[in-house]
Amino acid sequence: MTEITIKRLGLQGDGVADGPIYVPLTLPGEVVEGTIDGTVLRDPKIIRPSDRRVAAPCRHFKSCGGCQLQHADDAFVAAWKVEVVRKALEAQGVETVFRPIQTSPPRSRRRAGFAARRTKKGAMVGFHGRASDTIIAIPDCQLLDPVVLAGVPAAEALAVIGASRKTALSVLVTTTKTGLDVAVTHGKPLDGPLRQQLAAVCDQFGLARLSWDAEVVAMQSPPVHMLDGAQVTPPPGAFLQATAHGEAALTHAVQEIVQDARQVIDLFAGCGTFSLPLARRAEVHAVEGDAEMVAALDQGWRMAQGLKTVTTEARDLFRRPLMPDEMRKAQAVVLDPPRAGAEAQIAELARSEIPRIAYVSCNPVTFARDAQTLVNAGFTLDWVQVVDQFRWSAHVELAASFTASHMRG
């Protein structure tokens, strides 16, 4: 047995000792012993715990792989997430002001991707175990909205009729104003009998919509999400913010950055998370690569009351970023790219005369890379607001305010 001291947490939330040696579920300052296997400490035993260690609030924590940080107190997790962003920026030579972190409450996640496997006696539904293909049932999950957990029986029924014995279904369950929206992937090929069975499950459990490998097979009523009063029905499996709290925190930050801009461009706009609220005060041009999400955004705008004009464009911003001359009439740009960031688009924003940029990110490393490009081009990173809507995980989200040099002073 080898005894080591944990020096820090890595980006995945694991404890890291000199070597580096990685030890899950540990905290800085803790002394642990176990057997070193390459870069991992196997069968770790904590010899001296950290004073930041707490009893996990969820009884599934040790076996379930859904959370990484329930063994640390809330203040530690909050400070660590802010520090992850700060260090990513420091690595790029960028400094800024950090606002207090906004953390979503327990039991507030409004969507979950369950694994559902058919068994000899029925089905098993839950999350995969830590570093395992085993499915762990999570009836007392402290992360998910209880309405999402109520979708587990429907997922079990879907696995019984639609899963092969070799492959687990992926069942994405999302709360909406009209009921649960359920999107299934990795299921059996659709045929007539399976379609009938799936429709019966939709009816039995009162699902708003049921899709199978992106095809809608049954719908009792369109699943509706409210975006500042506008009703939007996203395509199956579409990106949405994880919690209502997180969405509100990010939207508030974006609105503050945009200020009184009369014309705004929303890049990577999705289904209109920011476009539609911003249209209360500004004309918005929303650009998104997924044509179905663009259509959902446009329909939501057309059905809403009291919004200014929202124009839409389906465009791959990685291959065809908006050019400076296409942005010349806007007073602000909002962008919310995927984890890869927006390197090509940021290069064009750096050459533009856009006064203000609201950057929403789910990856501190690619955000810091893009921030350096903007700062080198003369923008100031005014402040960063970290938003923790993936509570107890290593995932970090943020909103950041950039101002062009001619707007300062």
Protein backbone atom coordinates (compact mmCIF):
# COMPACT_ATOMS: atom_id res chain seq x y z
CA MET A 1 0.00 0.00 0.00
CA THR A 2 1.20 3.50 -0.87
CA GLU A 3 0.31 6.65 1.06
CA ILE A 4 -0.12 9.91 -0.91
CA THR A 5 -1.38 13.45 -0.32
CA ILE A 6 -3.96 15.04 -2.60
CA LYS A 7 -2.67 18.39 -3.87
CA ARG A 8 -5.56 19.66 -6.01
CA LEU A 9 -8.64 18.71 -8.00
CA GLY A 10 -8.35 18.01 -11.71
CA LEU A 11 -10.80 19.31 -14.32
CA GLN A 12 -12.89 16.13 -13.97
CA GLY A 13 -13.21 16.60 -10.22
CA ASP A 14 -10.73 13.85 -9.28
CA GLY A 15 -8.13 14.41 -6.59
CA VAL A 16 -4.61 14.75 -8.01
CA ALA A 17 -1.42 13.85 -6.16
CA ASP A 18 2.19 14.24 -7.33
CA GLY A 19 2.98 12.06 -10.30
CA PRO A 20 0.29 12.80 -11.29
CA ILE A 21 -1.78 10.19 -9.52
CA TYR A 22 -5.57 10.49 -9.79
CA VAL A 23 -7.91 9.53 -6.96
CA PRO A 24 -11.67 9.98 -7.40
CA LEU A 25 -13.82 11.26 -4.53
CA THR A 26 -10.97 12.93 -2.65
CA LEU A 27 -10.18 16.53 -1.74
CA PRO A 28 -7.04 18.69 -1.53
CA GLY A 29 -5.04 18.07 1.65
CA GLU A 30 -6.39 14.58 2.22
CA VAL A 31 -3.97 11.73 2.88
CA VAL A 32 -5.01 8.47 1.24
CA GLU A 33 -3.49 5.06 0.77
CA GLY A 34 -4.00 2.40 -1.87
CA THR A 35 -2.30 0.59 -4.70
CA ILE A 36 -0.85 2.68 -7.54
CA ASP A 37 -1.85 1.35 -10.96
CA GLY A 38 -0.31 3.57 -13.62
CA THR A 39 -1.74 7.02 -12.92
CA VAL A 40 -4.61 5.82 -10.71
CA LEU A 41 -4.74 4.88 -7.04
CA ARG A 42 -6.83 1.72 -6.70
CA ASP A 43 -8.98 0.91 -3.64
CA PRO A 44 -8.17 4.20 -1.92
CA LYS A 45 -8.65 4.52 1.83
CA ILE A 46 -8.73 7.98 3.40
CA ILE A 47 -6.24 8.22 6.26
CA ARG A 48 -6.73 11.93 7.02
CA PRO A 49 -9.88 13.62 5.63
CA SER A 50 -10.21 17.26 4.65
CA ASP A 51 -12.23 19.59 6.85
CA ARG A 52 -14.18 20.43 3.68
CA ARG A 53 -15.47 16.86 3.41
CA VAL A 54 -19.18 16.34 4.12
CA ALA A 55 -21.63 13.47 4.08
CA ALA A 56 -23.07 13.18 0.58
CA PRO A 57 -26.70 14.34 0.48
CA CYS A 58 -27.67 11.53 -1.92
CA ARG A 59 -27.59 7.88 -0.89
CA HIS A 60 -26.70 6.87 -4.46
CA PHE A 61 -23.55 8.99 -4.62
CA LYS A 62 -20.88 6.34 -4.10
CA SER A 63 -22.26 3.93 -6.69
CA CYS A 64 -23.82 6.35 -9.22
CA GLY A 65 -21.63 8.17 -11.70
CA GLY A 66 -23.97 11.13 -12.13
CA CYS A 67 -22.21 13.40 -9.61
CA GLN A 68 -18.53 13.88 -8.81
CA LEU A 69 -18.46 16.38 -5.93
CA GLN A 70 -21.12 15.62 -3.31
CA HIS A 71 -18.38 14.79 -0.79
CA ALA A 72 -17.30 18.46 -0.64
CA ASP A 73 -19.15 21.31 1.05
CA ASP A 74 -21.02 23.76 -1.17
CA ALA A 75 -18.65 26.66 -0.53
CA PHE A 76 -15.65 24.58 -1.59
CA VAL A 77 -17.34 23.46 -4.82
CA ALA A 78 -18.39 27.02 -5.64
CA ALA A 79 -14.88 28.41 -5.06
CA TRP A 80 -13.32 25.57 -7.05
CA LYS A 81 -15.54 26.18 -10.08
CA VAL A 82 -14.72 29.88 -10.11
CA GLU A 83 -11.03 29.02 -9.78
CA VAL A 84 -11.25 26.63 -12.77
CA VAL A 85 -12.32 29.57 -14.93
CA ARG A 86 -9.80 31.95 -13.39
CA LYS A 87 -6.89 29.55 -14.02
CA ALA A 88 -8.03 28.91 -17.60
CA LEU A 89 -7.94 32.66 -18.25
CA GLU A 90 -4.62 33.10 -16.45
CA ALA A 91 -3.10 30.44 -18.72
CA GLN A 92 -4.00 32.72 -21.63
CA GLY A 93 -2.73 35.85 -19.88
CA VAL A 94 -6.23 37.26 -19.28
CA GLU A 95 -7.50 38.76 -16.00
CA THR A 96 -10.96 39.99 -15.07
CA VAL A 97 -13.50 40.54 -12.30
CA PHE A 98 -15.50 37.54 -11.10
CA ARG A 99 -19.03 38.01 -9.86
CA PRO A 100 -20.41 35.72 -7.13
CA ILE A 101 -21.29 32.29 -8.52
CA GLN A 102 -24.95 31.41 -9.13
CA THR A 103 -25.72 27.81 -8.14
CA SER A 104 -28.90 25.96 -9.06
CA PRO A 105 -30.72 24.34 -6.12
CA PRO A 106 -30.93 20.58 -5.53
CA ARG A 107 -33.63 18.61 -7.37
CA SER A 108 -33.87 21.23 -10.11
CA ARG A 109 -32.43 19.50 -13.19
CA ARG A 110 -35.27 19.46 -15.71
CA ARG A 111 -33.82 16.86 -18.06
CA ALA A 112 -31.88 13.63 -17.70
CA GLY A 113 -30.43 11.04 -20.03
CA PHE A 114 -31.31 7.69 -18.46
CA ALA A 115 -29.79 4.37 -19.46
CA ALA A 116 -32.50 1.70 -19.76
CA ARG A 117 -31.70 -1.99 -20.19
CA ARG A 118 -34.09 -4.88 -20.70
CA THR A 119 -33.66 -7.68 -18.14
CA LYS A 120 -35.12 -11.17 -17.67
CA LYS A 121 -37.60 -9.79 -15.14
CA GLY A 122 -38.37 -6.47 -16.81
CA ALA A 123 -36.02 -3.50 -17.08
CA MET A 124 -33.38 -1.50 -15.20
CA VAL A 125 -33.33 2.29 -15.53
CA GLY A 126 -30.89 4.78 -14.02
CA PHE A 127 -27.44 6.25 -14.51
CA HIS A 128 -24.26 4.34 -15.28
CA GLY A 129 -22.15 3.53 -12.25
CA ARG A 130 -18.89 5.30 -11.67
CA ALA A 131 -16.48 4.19 -14.44
CA SER A 132 -18.78 1.29 -15.22
CA ASP A 133 -21.38 0.04 -17.71
CA THR A 134 -23.55 -1.12 -14.81
CA ILE A 135 -26.85 0.75 -14.54
CA ILE A 136 -27.60 2.08 -11.05
CA ALA A 137 -31.21 2.78 -10.08
CA ILE A 138 -31.58 6.28 -8.56
CA PRO A 139 -35.06 6.54 -6.98
CA ASP A 140 -33.89 9.14 -4.43
CA CYS A 141 -31.71 11.25 -6.76
CA GLN A 142 -31.11 14.67 -5.21
CA LEU A 143 -30.12 16.22 -8.53
CA LEU A 144 -33.21 15.73 -10.70
CA ASP A 145 -36.55 17.48 -10.60
CA PRO A 146 -39.04 14.93 -9.20
CA VAL A 147 -41.08 15.36 -12.39
CA VAL A 148 -38.12 13.98 -14.38
CA LEU A 149 -37.78 11.05 -11.98
CA ALA A 150 -41.46 10.33 -12.55
CA GLY A 151 -40.49 9.42 -16.11
CA VAL A 152 -38.57 6.31 -14.95
CA PRO A 153 -41.59 3.93 -15.22
CA ALA A 154 -42.12 5.08 -18.81
CA ALA A 155 -38.44 4.43 -19.55
CA GLU A 156 -38.79 0.95 -18.07
CA ALA A 157 -41.76 0.22 -20.32
CA LEU A 158 -39.86 1.49 -23.35
CA ALA A 159 -36.89 -0.76 -22.55
CA VAL A 160 -39.12 -3.83 -22.25
CA ILE A 161 -40.60 -3.35 -25.71
CA GLY A 162 -37.84 -1.55 -27.59
CA ALA A 163 -34.38 -2.47 -26.25
CA SER A 164 -32.24 -5.34 -27.42
CA ARG A 165 -30.73 -7.59 -24.75
CA LYS A 166 -27.24 -6.42 -25.75
CA THR A 167 -27.60 -2.63 -25.87
CA ALA A 168 -29.11 -0.19 -23.37
CA LEU A 169 -31.49 2.48 -24.56
CA SER A 170 -30.63 6.12 -24.04
CA VAL A 171 -33.82 7.80 -22.81
CA LEU A 172 -33.71 11.60 -22.61
CA VAL A 173 -36.54 12.85 -20.39
CA THR A 174 -37.32 16.57 -20.33
CA THR A 175 -39.99 18.44 -18.38
CA THR A 176 -42.22 20.78 -20.37
CA LYS A 177 -45.35 22.82 -19.70
CA THR A 178 -47.48 20.15 -21.39
CA GLY A 179 -45.89 16.98 -19.99
CA LEU A 180 -42.75 14.92 -20.38
CA ASP A 181 -40.87 15.01 -23.67
CA VAL A 182 -39.10 11.67 -24.17
CA ALA A 183 -36.47 11.08 -26.85
CA VAL A 184 -35.06 7.54 -27.23
CA THR A 185 -31.95 6.44 -29.11
CA HIS A 186 -30.21 3.07 -29.62
CA GLY A 187 -33.49 1.19 -29.80
CA LYS A 188 -34.77 -1.54 -32.12
CA PRO A 189 -35.58 -0.52 -35.70
CA LEU A 190 -39.07 0.88 -36.04
CA ASP A 191 -41.73 -1.33 -37.60
CA GLY A 192 -45.51 -1.38 -37.50
CA PRO A 193 -45.97 -3.42 -34.29
CA LEU A 194 -43.30 -1.43 -32.42
CA ARG A 195 -44.92 1.85 -33.45
CA GLN A 196 -48.22 0.66 -32.01
CA GLN A 197 -46.58 -0.39 -28.76
CA LEU A 198 -44.75 2.92 -28.45
CA ALA A 199 -47.96 4.86 -29.03
CA ALA A 200 -49.59 2.81 -26.27
CA VAL A 201 -46.74 3.71 -23.86
CA CYS A 202 -47.12 7.39 -24.74
CA ASP A 203 -50.82 7.16 -23.95
CA GLN A 204 -50.37 5.06 -20.79
CA PHE A 205 -47.92 7.47 -19.18
CA GLY A 206 -49.41 10.68 -20.57
CA LEU A 207 -46.23 11.73 -22.37
CA ALA A 208 -46.40 14.96 -24.33
CA ARG A 209 -44.20 13.52 -27.08
CA LEU A 210 -42.26 10.34 -27.74
CA SER A 211 -39.54 10.17 -30.38
CA TRP A 212 -37.51 7.17 -31.48
CA ASP A 213 -34.10 7.84 -33.02
CA ALA A 214 -35.19 11.45 -33.80
CA GLU A 215 -38.51 10.38 -35.39
CA VAL A 216 -41.68 11.45 -33.58
CA VAL A 217 -43.76 8.31 -33.13
CA ALA A 218 -46.46 9.62 -30.79
CA MET A 219 -47.58 12.99 -29.45
CA GLN A 220 -50.47 13.86 -27.18
CA SER A 221 -49.66 17.57 -27.23
CA PRO A 222 -46.63 19.54 -28.46
CA PRO A 223 -44.03 19.86 -25.68
CA VAL A 224 -43.87 23.55 -24.82
CA HIS A 225 -41.03 25.53 -23.25
CA MET A 226 -41.67 29.11 -22.15
CA LEU A 227 -38.98 31.62 -23.06
CA ASP A 228 -40.03 34.94 -21.53
CA GLY A 229 -43.64 34.35 -22.51
CA ALA A 230 -42.94 32.86 -25.94
CA GLN A 231 -43.99 29.24 -26.42
CA VAL A 232 -41.38 27.10 -28.17
CA THR A 233 -41.60 23.44 -29.17
CA PRO A 234 -38.02 22.23 -29.74
CA PRO A 235 -37.20 19.27 -31.99
CA PRO A 236 -36.58 15.95 -30.20
CA GLY A 237 -33.37 15.97 -28.17
CA ALA A 238 -32.66 19.66 -28.83
CA PHE A 239 -30.27 21.55 -26.57
CA LEU A 240 -31.86 23.33 -23.60
CA GLN A 241 -30.36 24.84 -20.47
CA ALA A 242 -30.26 22.25 -17.69
CA THR A 243 -32.25 24.16 -15.05
CA ALA A 244 -34.75 26.99 -15.06
CA HIS A 245 -32.55 28.75 -12.48
CA GLY A 246 -29.46 28.48 -14.67
CA GLU A 247 -31.35 29.67 -17.73
CA ALA A 248 -32.63 32.70 -15.82
CA ALA A 249 -29.16 33.56 -14.47
CA LEU A 250 -27.55 33.36 -17.91
CA THR A 251 -30.40 35.30 -19.55
CA HIS A 252 -30.14 38.07 -16.94
CA ALA A 253 -26.39 38.35 -17.54
CA VAL A 254 -26.84 38.47 -21.32
CA GLN A 255 -29.52 41.16 -21.05
CA GLU A 256 -27.26 43.27 -18.83
CA ILE A 257 -24.38 43.00 -21.31
CA VAL A 258 -26.54 43.84 -24.33
CA GLN A 259 -27.98 46.87 -22.48
CA ASP A 260 -30.05 49.11 -24.77
CA ALA A 261 -28.79 47.76 -28.11
CA ARG A 262 -31.43 48.23 -30.80
CA GLN A 263 -30.15 45.43 -33.04
CA VAL A 264 -28.61 42.23 -31.68
CA ILE A 265 -27.13 39.16 -33.37
CA ASP A 266 -27.53 35.87 -31.50
CA LEU A 267 -25.03 33.24 -32.69
CA PHE A 268 -25.47 29.54 -31.91
CA ALA A 269 -29.00 30.63 -31.00
CA GLY A 270 -30.55 27.20 -30.47
CA CYS A 271 -34.30 27.44 -30.03
CA GLY A 272 -34.18 31.04 -28.83
CA THR A 273 -33.08 30.88 -25.19
CA PHE A 274 -31.64 34.40 -25.52
CA SER A 275 -33.14 35.59 -28.82
CA LEU A 276 -36.74 35.65 -27.66
CA PRO A 277 -36.20 37.43 -24.31
CA LEU A 278 -33.93 39.96 -26.04
CA ALA A 279 -36.66 40.63 -28.62
CA ARG A 280 -38.68 42.38 -25.91
CA ARG A 281 -36.37 45.38 -26.44
CA ALA A 282 -34.33 44.78 -29.60
CA GLU A 283 -34.53 43.47 -33.11
CA VAL A 284 -32.68 40.15 -33.19
CA HIS A 285 -31.03 38.15 -35.96
CA ALA A 286 -30.68 34.55 -34.72
CA VAL A 287 -28.20 32.21 -36.38
CA GLU A 288 -28.08 28.47 -35.64
CA GLY A 289 -26.67 25.47 -37.49
CA ASP A 290 -29.61 23.14 -36.81
CA ALA A 291 -32.46 23.97 -39.20
CA GLU A 292 -35.09 22.30 -37.00
CA MET A 293 -34.13 24.45 -34.03
CA VAL A 294 -34.22 27.53 -36.26
CA ALA A 295 -37.76 26.58 -37.33
CA ALA A 296 -38.81 26.13 -33.68
CA LEU A 297 -37.40 29.54 -32.78
CA ASP A 298 -39.16 31.20 -35.72
CA GLN A 299 -42.48 29.57 -34.87
CA GLY A 300 -42.14 30.63 -31.23
CA TRP A 301 -41.55 34.23 -32.29
CA ARG A 302 -44.48 34.26 -34.72
CA MET A 303 -46.87 32.99 -32.04
CA ALA A 304 -45.66 35.39 -29.34
CA GLN A 305 -47.07 38.80 -28.49
CA GLY A 306 -45.16 42.04 -28.00
CA LEU A 307 -41.83 41.04 -29.52
CA LYS A 308 -39.77 43.06 -31.96
CA THR A 309 -38.67 41.49 -35.23
CA VAL A 310 -36.67 38.27 -35.01
CA THR A 311 -35.06 37.07 -38.23
CA THR A 312 -33.49 33.61 -38.43
CA GLU A 313 -30.76 31.94 -40.44
CA ALA A 314 -29.69 28.29 -40.56
CA ARG A 315 -25.91 28.43 -40.94
CA ASP A 316 -22.88 26.39 -39.91
CA LEU A 317 -20.89 28.95 -37.97
CA PHE A 318 -17.85 26.69 -37.76
CA ARG A 319 -17.50 26.58 -41.55
CA ARG A 320 -19.21 29.86 -42.42
CA PRO A 321 -18.86 32.35 -39.57
CA LEU A 322 -20.57 35.71 -39.91
CA MET A 323 -18.17 38.23 -41.42
CA PRO A 324 -17.62 41.75 -40.09
CA ASP A 325 -19.65 43.38 -42.87
CA GLU A 326 -22.61 41.12 -42.00
CA MET A 327 -22.50 42.40 -38.41
CA ARG A 328 -21.99 46.10 -39.08
CA LYS A 329 -25.56 47.17 -38.18
CA ALA A 330 -25.63 45.39 -34.81
CA GLN A 331 -24.78 47.03 -31.50
CA ALA A 332 -24.26 43.73 -29.66
CA VAL A 333 -23.55 40.07 -30.35
CA VAL A 334 -24.52 37.13 -28.16
CA LEU A 335 -22.92 33.74 -28.66
CA ASP A 336 -23.42 30.42 -26.88
CA PRO A 337 -21.25 27.87 -28.71
CA PRO A 338 -20.85 24.17 -27.88
CA ARG A 339 -17.86 22.86 -25.94
CA ALA A 340 -15.50 23.34 -28.89
CA GLY A 341 -15.92 27.09 -28.53
CA ALA A 342 -16.19 29.46 -31.50
CA GLU A 343 -12.66 29.92 -32.80
CA ALA A 344 -13.59 30.77 -36.40
CA GLN A 345 -16.42 33.10 -35.40
CA ILE A 346 -14.34 34.80 -32.71
CA ALA A 347 -11.66 35.57 -35.31
CA GLU A 348 -14.27 37.51 -37.31
CA LEU A 349 -15.68 39.22 -34.21
CA ALA A 350 -12.14 40.32 -33.37
CA ARG A 351 -12.01 42.10 -36.76
CA SER A 352 -15.47 43.63 -36.39
CA GLU A 353 -16.67 46.91 -34.91
CA ILE A 354 -19.18 45.27 -32.58
CA PRO A 355 -19.33 47.36 -29.37
CA ARG A 356 -20.46 44.61 -26.96
CA ILE A 357 -20.23 40.83 -26.87
CA ALA A 358 -22.05 38.51 -24.47
CA TYR A 359 -20.24 35.17 -24.50
CA VAL A 360 -21.97 32.19 -22.82
CA SER A 361 -19.71 29.16 -22.45
CA CYS A 362 -19.85 25.58 -21.16
CA ASN A 363 -16.08 25.03 -21.44
CA PRO A 364 -13.65 27.31 -19.56
CA VAL A 365 -10.67 26.15 -21.64
CA THR A 366 -12.08 27.04 -25.07
CA PHE A 367 -13.67 30.17 -23.61
CA ALA A 368 -10.27 31.32 -22.35
CA ARG A 369 -8.73 30.68 -25.78
CA ASP A 370 -11.45 32.76 -27.45
CA ALA A 371 -11.22 35.46 -24.76
CA GLN A 372 -7.51 35.89 -25.46
CA THR A 373 -8.26 36.47 -29.15
CA LEU A 374 -10.78 39.20 -28.32
CA VAL A 375 -8.53 40.85 -25.72
CA ASN A 376 -5.60 40.86 -28.15
CA ALA A 377 -7.88 42.58 -30.66
CA GLY A 378 -8.66 45.40 -28.24
CA PHE A 379 -11.69 44.15 -26.34
CA THR A 380 -11.88 44.30 -22.56
CA LEU A 381 -13.20 41.34 -20.59
CA ASP A 382 -15.28 43.35 -18.11
CA TRP A 383 -16.48 40.52 -15.90
CA VAL A 384 -17.34 36.83 -15.72
CA GLN A 385 -20.41 35.31 -14.07
CA VAL A 386 -19.97 31.60 -13.29
CA VAL A 387 -23.28 29.70 -13.29
CA ASP A 388 -23.38 26.23 -11.74
CA GLN A 389 -26.50 24.57 -13.10
CA PHE A 390 -24.76 21.17 -13.11
CA ARG A 391 -24.62 21.00 -9.35
CA TRP A 392 -22.17 18.49 -7.78
CA SER A 393 -20.52 17.86 -11.15
CA ALA A 394 -17.22 19.07 -12.60
CA HIS A 395 -19.12 20.93 -15.33
CA VAL A 396 -18.78 24.73 -15.35
CA GLU A 397 -20.82 27.32 -17.26
CA LEU A 398 -20.42 31.07 -17.45
CA ALA A 399 -21.48 34.33 -19.04
CA ALA A 400 -18.88 36.98 -19.87
CA SER A 401 -19.03 40.63 -20.88
CA PHE A 402 -16.70 42.00 -23.54
CA THR A 403 -16.57 45.68 -24.49
CA ALA A 404 -14.77 47.16 -27.50
CA SER A 405 -12.05 49.73 -26.79
CA HIS A 406 -14.04 52.66 -28.24
CA MET A 407 -16.88 51.97 -25.77
CA ARG A 408 -14.70 52.41 -22.67
CA GLY A 409 -14.23 55.58 -20.72
